């Protein structure tokens, strides 16, 4: 539609009142547009990730990152940061350093996978929330900026020493 046609349509509509049927058409058109955007763009992303794994994005503060890096200082080997993506985690067996900035509900689900797949010398550092069932070996910072370090070898040993079903 060229600008002249648009001006003609605008002039034609100017001064006309919209009746109930017109309001209904506008509402229906708006609703349909919102639904198409939701169904076509937004909803597919939510369907791929289970509801219990959907967590809000909350950026880490500079102090949180500093505390996490302090707990990894002097360590060598591959590092992986869990907490982005669509929830699929693969090939942790060669990671010696893992950072996690995740909600507690996700951390509980992640603990078993980490214990199963990480090598003995691995260290997991959690920012913002501690791993709910593991005993930390070190911490840095305090309050919302606190970070917790977990050495997999220590966690595995504690798990062996604990009665069945106890938190580690």
C-alpha atoms as a PDB file:
ATOM      1  CA  UNK A   1       0.000   0.000   0.000  1.00  0.00           C
ATOM      2  CA  UNK A   2       1.530   3.270  -1.023  1.00  0.00           C
ATOM      3  CA  UNK A   3       1.321   6.380   1.197  1.00  0.00           C
ATOM      4  CA  UNK A   4      -1.403   7.998  -0.926  1.00  0.00           C
ATOM      5  CA  UNK A   5      -3.696   4.963  -0.493  1.00  0.00           C
ATOM      6  CA  UNK A   6      -3.111   4.996   3.249  1.00  0.00           C
ATOM      7  CA  UNK A   7      -4.008   8.676   3.400  1.00  0.00           C
ATOM      8  CA  UNK A   8      -7.247   8.004   1.457  1.00  0.00           C
ATOM      9  CA  UNK A   9      -8.249   5.181   3.837  1.00  0.00           C
ATOM     10  CA  UNK A  10      -7.430   7.334   6.871  1.00  0.00           C
ATOM     11  CA  UNK A  11      -9.506  10.238   5.487  1.00  0.00           C
ATOM     12  CA  UNK A  12     -12.382   7.874   4.762  1.00  0.00           C
ATOM     13  CA  UNK A  13     -12.350   6.426   8.302  1.00  0.00           C
ATOM     14  CA  UNK A  14     -11.911   9.787  10.010  1.00  0.00           C
ATOM     15  CA  UNK A  15     -15.029  10.832  11.812  1.00  0.00           C
ATOM     16  CA  UNK A  16     -16.703   7.403  11.583  1.00  0.00           C
ATOM     17  CA  UNK A  17     -17.811   5.837  14.857  1.00  0.00           C
ATOM     18  CA  UNK A  18     -16.975   2.251  15.671  1.00  0.00           C
ATOM     19  CA  UNK A  19     -20.008   0.208  16.633  1.00  0.00           C
ATOM     20  CA  UNK A  20     -20.086  -2.965  18.753  1.00  0.00           C
ATOM     21  CA  UNK A  21     -19.358  -5.163  15.728  1.00  0.00           C
ATOM     22  CA  UNK A  22     -16.260  -3.117  14.902  1.00  0.00           C
ATOM     23  CA  UNK A  23     -14.966  -3.361  18.470  1.00  0.00           C
ATOM     24  CA  UNK A  24     -15.547  -7.119  18.389  1.00  0.00           C
ATOM     25  CA  UNK A  25     -13.589  -7.412  15.125  1.00  0.00           C
ATOM     26  CA  UNK A  26     -10.691  -5.386  16.537  1.00  0.00           C
ATOM     27  CA  UNK A  27     -10.643  -7.455  19.743  1.00  0.00           C
ATOM     28  CA  UNK A  28     -10.789 -10.740  17.819  1.00  0.00           C
ATOM     29  CA  UNK A  29      -8.012  -9.643  15.457  1.00  0.00           C
ATOM     30  CA  UNK A  30      -5.811  -8.549  18.349  1.00  0.00           C
ATOM     31  CA  UNK A  31      -6.444 -11.786  20.242  1.00  0.00           C
ATOM     32  CA  UNK A  32      -5.661 -13.870  17.176  1.00  0.00           C
ATOM     33  CA  UNK A  33      -2.415 -11.960  16.618  1.00  0.00           C
ATOM     34  CA  UNK A  34      -1.321 -12.475  20.237  1.00  0.00           C
ATOM     35  CA  UNK A  35      -2.139 -16.194  20.020  1.00  0.00           C
ATOM     36  CA  UNK A  36      -0.183 -16.638  16.771  1.00  0.00           C
ATOM     37  CA  UNK A  37       2.873 -14.931  18.286  1.00  0.00           C
ATOM     38  CA  UNK A  38       2.610 -17.065  21.440  1.00  0.00           C
ATOM     39  CA  UNK A  39       2.007 -20.364  19.612  1.00  0.00           C
ATOM     40  CA  UNK A  40       4.542 -19.787  16.865  1.00  0.00           C
ATOM     41  CA  UNK A  41       7.412 -18.118  18.688  1.00  0.00           C
ATOM     42  CA  UNK A  42       7.200 -18.422  22.463  1.00  0.00           C
ATOM     43  CA  UNK A  43       5.429 -21.703  23.263  1.00  0.00           C
ATOM     44  CA  UNK A  44       7.777 -24.090  21.373  1.00  0.00           C
ATOM     45  CA  UNK A  45      10.685 -23.092  23.608  1.00  0.00           C
ATOM     46  CA  UNK A  46       8.677 -23.849  26.743  1.00  0.00           C
ATOM     47  CA  UNK A  47       7.534 -27.246  25.496  1.00  0.00           C
ATOM     48  CA  UNK A  48      11.115 -28.505  25.088  1.00  0.00           C
ATOM     49  CA  UNK A  49      12.102 -27.881  28.707  1.00  0.00           C
ATOM     50  CA  UNK A  50      10.155 -29.570  31.527  1.00  0.00           C
ATOM     51  CA  UNK A  51       8.347 -27.117  33.798  1.00  0.00           C
ATOM     52  CA  UNK A  52      10.453 -28.040  36.853  1.00  0.00           C
ATOM     53  CA  UNK A  53      13.593 -27.037  34.930  1.00  0.00           C
ATOM     54  CA  UNK A  54      12.303 -23.660  33.801  1.00  0.00           C
ATOM     55  CA  UNK A  55      14.001 -21.069  35.955  1.00  0.00           C
ATOM     56  CA  UNK A  56      14.071 -17.311  35.580  1.00  0.00           C
ATOM     57  CA  UNK A  57      17.184 -15.639  34.239  1.00  0.00           C
ATOM     58  CA  UNK A  58      18.868 -13.736  37.059  1.00  0.00           C
ATOM     59  CA  UNK A  59      22.317 -12.434  36.124  1.00  0.00           C
ATOM     60  CA  UNK A  60      25.165 -13.098  38.536  1.00  0.00           C
ATOM     61  CA  UNK A  61      26.686 -10.086  40.227  1.00  0.00           C
ATOM     62  CA  UNK A  62      30.353  -9.226  39.742  1.00  0.00           C
ATOM     63  CA  UNK A  63      30.981 -10.212  43.392  1.00  0.00           C
ATOM     64  CA  UNK A  64      29.315 -13.617  42.900  1.00  0.00           C
ATOM     65  CA  UNK A  65      31.531 -14.309  39.898  1.00  0.00           C
ATOM     66  CA  UNK A  66      34.599 -13.152  41.836  1.00  0.00           C
ATOM     67  CA  UNK A  67      33.753 -15.558  44.695  1.00  0.00           C
ATOM     68  CA  UNK A  68      33.223 -18.471  42.303  1.00  0.00           C
ATOM     69  CA  UNK A  69      36.526 -17.779  40.552  1.00  0.00           C
ATOM     70  CA  UNK A  70      38.281 -17.543  43.938  1.00  0.00           C
ATOM     71  CA  UNK A  71      37.140 -21.095  44.721  1.00  0.00           C
ATOM     72  CA  UNK A  72      38.540 -22.295  41.362  1.00  0.00           C
ATOM     73  CA  UNK A  73      41.853 -20.400  41.649  1.00  0.00           C
ATOM     74  CA  UNK A  74      44.896 -22.528  40.881  1.00  0.00           C
ATOM     75  CA  UNK A  75      42.910 -25.413  39.417  1.00  0.00           C
ATOM     76  CA  UNK A  76      43.655 -26.728  35.960  1.00  0.00           C
ATOM     77  CA  UNK A  77      41.525 -28.640  33.503  1.00  0.00           C
ATOM     78  CA  UNK A  78      38.353 -28.096  31.570  1.00  0.00           C
ATOM     79  CA  UNK A  79      35.704 -25.810  33.069  1.00  0.00           C
ATOM     80  CA  UNK A  80      32.018 -25.875  32.252  1.00  0.00           C
ATOM     81  CA  UNK A  81      29.338 -23.442  33.394  1.00  0.00           C
ATOM     82  CA  UNK A  82      25.952 -25.100  33.800  1.00  0.00           C
ATOM     83  CA  UNK A  83      22.865 -22.947  33.815  1.00  0.00           C
ATOM     84  CA  UNK A  84      22.344 -21.870  30.264  1.00  0.00           C
ATOM     85  CA  UNK A  85      20.768 -23.680  27.368  1.00  0.00           C
ATOM     86  CA  UNK A  86      17.721 -25.922  27.293  1.00  0.00           C
ATOM     87  CA  UNK A  87      18.601 -28.344  30.067  1.00  0.00           C
ATOM     88  CA  UNK A  88      20.501 -31.000  28.136  1.00  0.00           C
ATOM     89  CA  UNK A  89      23.870 -31.799  29.693  1.00  0.00           C
ATOM     90  CA  UNK A  90      26.357 -34.102  28.027  1.00  0.00           C
ATOM     91  CA  UNK A  91      29.924 -35.360  28.509  1.00  0.00           C
ATOM     92  CA  UNK A  92      30.774 -34.241  32.020  1.00  0.00           C
ATOM     93  CA  UNK A  93      33.292 -37.058  32.396  1.00  0.00           C
ATOM     94  CA  UNK A  94      36.218 -34.897  31.254  1.00  0.00           C
ATOM     95  CA  UNK A  95      35.296 -31.761  33.259  1.00  0.00           C
ATOM     96  CA  UNK A  96      37.409 -31.005  36.316  1.00  0.00           C
ATOM     97  CA  UNK A  97      35.753 -27.693  37.171  1.00  0.00           C
ATOM     98  CA  UNK A  98      31.999 -27.086  37.078  1.00  0.00           C
ATOM     99  CA  UNK A  99      30.155 -23.915  38.018  1.00  0.00           C
ATOM    100  CA  UNK A 100      26.412 -23.820  38.569  1.00  0.00           C
ATOM    101  CA  UNK A 101      24.138 -20.816  38.983  1.00  0.00           C
ATOM    102  CA  UNK A 102      20.803 -22.618  39.195  1.00  0.00           C
ATOM    103  CA  UNK A 103      17.631 -22.679  41.287  1.00  0.00           C
ATOM    104  CA  UNK A 104      17.453 -25.176  44.181  1.00  0.00           C
ATOM    105  CA  UNK A 105      14.828 -27.312  42.404  1.00  0.00           C
ATOM    106  CA  UNK A 106      17.216 -27.873  39.512  1.00  0.00           C
ATOM    107  CA  UNK A 107      20.240 -28.410  41.772  1.00  0.00           C
ATOM    108  CA  UNK A 108      18.516 -31.350  43.466  1.00  0.00           C
ATOM    109  CA  UNK A 109      18.013 -32.998  40.089  1.00  0.00           C
ATOM    110  CA  UNK A 110      21.582 -32.277  39.027  1.00  0.00           C
ATOM    111  CA  UNK A 111      23.371 -33.759  42.069  1.00  0.00           C
ATOM    112  CA  UNK A 112      23.031 -37.404  40.990  1.00  0.00           C
ATOM    113  CA  UNK A 113      24.203 -36.676  37.438  1.00  0.00           C
ATOM    114  CA  UNK A 114      27.263 -34.814  38.718  1.00  0.00           C
ATOM    115  CA  UNK A 115      28.211 -37.619  41.121  1.00  0.00           C
ATOM    116  CA  UNK A 116      27.757 -40.235  38.409  1.00  0.00           C
ATOM    117  CA  UNK A 117      29.631 -38.510  35.594  1.00  0.00           C
ATOM    118  CA  UNK A 118      32.321 -36.238  37.042  1.00  0.00           C
ATOM    119  CA  UNK A 119      35.878 -37.500  37.568  1.00  0.00           C
ATOM    120  CA  UNK A 120      37.200 -37.986  41.098  1.00  0.00           C
ATOM    121  CA  UNK A 121      39.325 -34.800  41.031  1.00  0.00           C
ATOM    122  CA  UNK A 122      36.436 -32.564  39.909  1.00  0.00           C
ATOM    123  CA  UNK A 123      35.226 -29.550  41.858  1.00  0.00           C
ATOM    124  CA  UNK A 124      31.716 -28.136  41.634  1.00  0.00           C
ATOM    125  CA  UNK A 125      31.191 -24.507  42.630  1.00  0.00           C
ATOM    126  CA  UNK A 126      27.638 -23.283  43.203  1.00  0.00           C
ATOM    127  CA  UNK A 127      26.759 -19.613  43.186  1.00  0.00           C
ATOM    128  CA  UNK A 128      23.641 -18.050  44.720  1.00  0.00           C
ATOM    129  CA  UNK A 129      22.246 -21.381  46.059  1.00  0.00           C
ATOM    130  CA  UNK A 130      24.173 -24.301  47.610  1.00  0.00           C
ATOM    131  CA  UNK A 131      23.677 -27.867  46.477  1.00  0.00           C
ATOM    132  CA  UNK A 132      20.914 -29.014  48.841  1.00  0.00           C
ATOM    133  CA  UNK A 133      22.182 -32.517  49.678  1.00  0.00           C
ATOM    134  CA  UNK A 134      25.968 -32.151  49.483  1.00  0.00           C
ATOM    135  CA  UNK A 135      28.448 -31.039  52.145  1.00  0.00           C
ATOM    136  CA  UNK A 136      30.628 -28.171  50.927  1.00  0.00           C
ATOM    137  CA  UNK A 137      34.416 -28.221  51.357  1.00  0.00           C
ATOM    138  CA  UNK A 138      34.943 -24.460  51.078  1.00  0.00           C
ATOM    139  CA  UNK A 139      33.011 -21.205  50.724  1.00  0.00           C
ATOM    140  CA  UNK A 140      33.696 -17.654  49.610  1.00  0.00           C
ATOM    141  CA  UNK A 141      31.673 -14.511  50.262  1.00  0.00           C
ATOM    142  CA  UNK A 142      28.485 -14.119  52.219  1.00  0.00           C
ATOM    143  CA  UNK A 143      24.803 -13.418  51.762  1.00  0.00           C
ATOM    144  CA  UNK A 144      23.524 -13.371  48.182  1.00  0.00           C
ATOM    145  CA  UNK A 145      27.104 -13.308  46.874  1.00  0.00           C
ATOM    146  CA  UNK A 146      28.181 -16.517  48.644  1.00  0.00           C
ATOM    147  CA  UNK A 147      29.622 -19.412  46.647  1.00  0.00           C
ATOM    148  CA  UNK A 148      30.076 -23.013  47.796  1.00  0.00           C
ATOM    149  CA  UNK A 149      32.765 -25.452  46.615  1.00  0.00           C
ATOM    150  CA  UNK A 150      32.257 -29.214  46.568  1.00  0.00           C
ATOM    151  CA  UNK A 151      35.101 -31.646  45.886  1.00  0.00           C
ATOM    152  CA  UNK A 152      33.597 -34.715  44.231  1.00  0.00           C
ATOM    153  CA  UNK A 153      36.038 -37.094  45.927  1.00  0.00           C
ATOM    154  CA  UNK A 154      34.957 -35.818  49.375  1.00  0.00           C
ATOM    155  CA  UNK A 155      31.249 -35.920  48.505  1.00  0.00           C
ATOM    156  CA  UNK A 156      31.576 -39.514  47.254  1.00  0.00           C
ATOM    157  CA  UNK A 157      33.423 -40.543  50.420  1.00  0.00           C
ATOM    158  CA  UNK A 158      30.778 -38.947  52.634  1.00  0.00           C
ATOM    159  CA  UNK A 159      28.071 -40.682  50.600  1.00  0.00           C
ATOM    160  CA  UNK A 160      29.743 -44.062  51.225  1.00  0.00           C
ATOM    161  CA  UNK A 161      29.920 -43.318  54.962  1.00  0.00           C
ATOM    162  CA  UNK A 162      26.301 -42.174  55.302  1.00  0.00           C
ATOM    163  CA  UNK A 163      23.325 -44.507  55.819  1.00  0.00           C
ATOM    164  CA  UNK A 164      21.142 -45.108  52.740  1.00  0.00           C
ATOM    165  CA  UNK A 165      18.916 -42.121  51.898  1.00  0.00           C
ATOM    166  CA  UNK A 166      20.804 -39.512  53.965  1.00  0.00           C
ATOM    167  CA  UNK A 167      21.838 -36.185  52.427  1.00  0.00           C
ATOM    168  CA  UNK A 168      25.537 -35.855  51.680  1.00  0.00           C
END
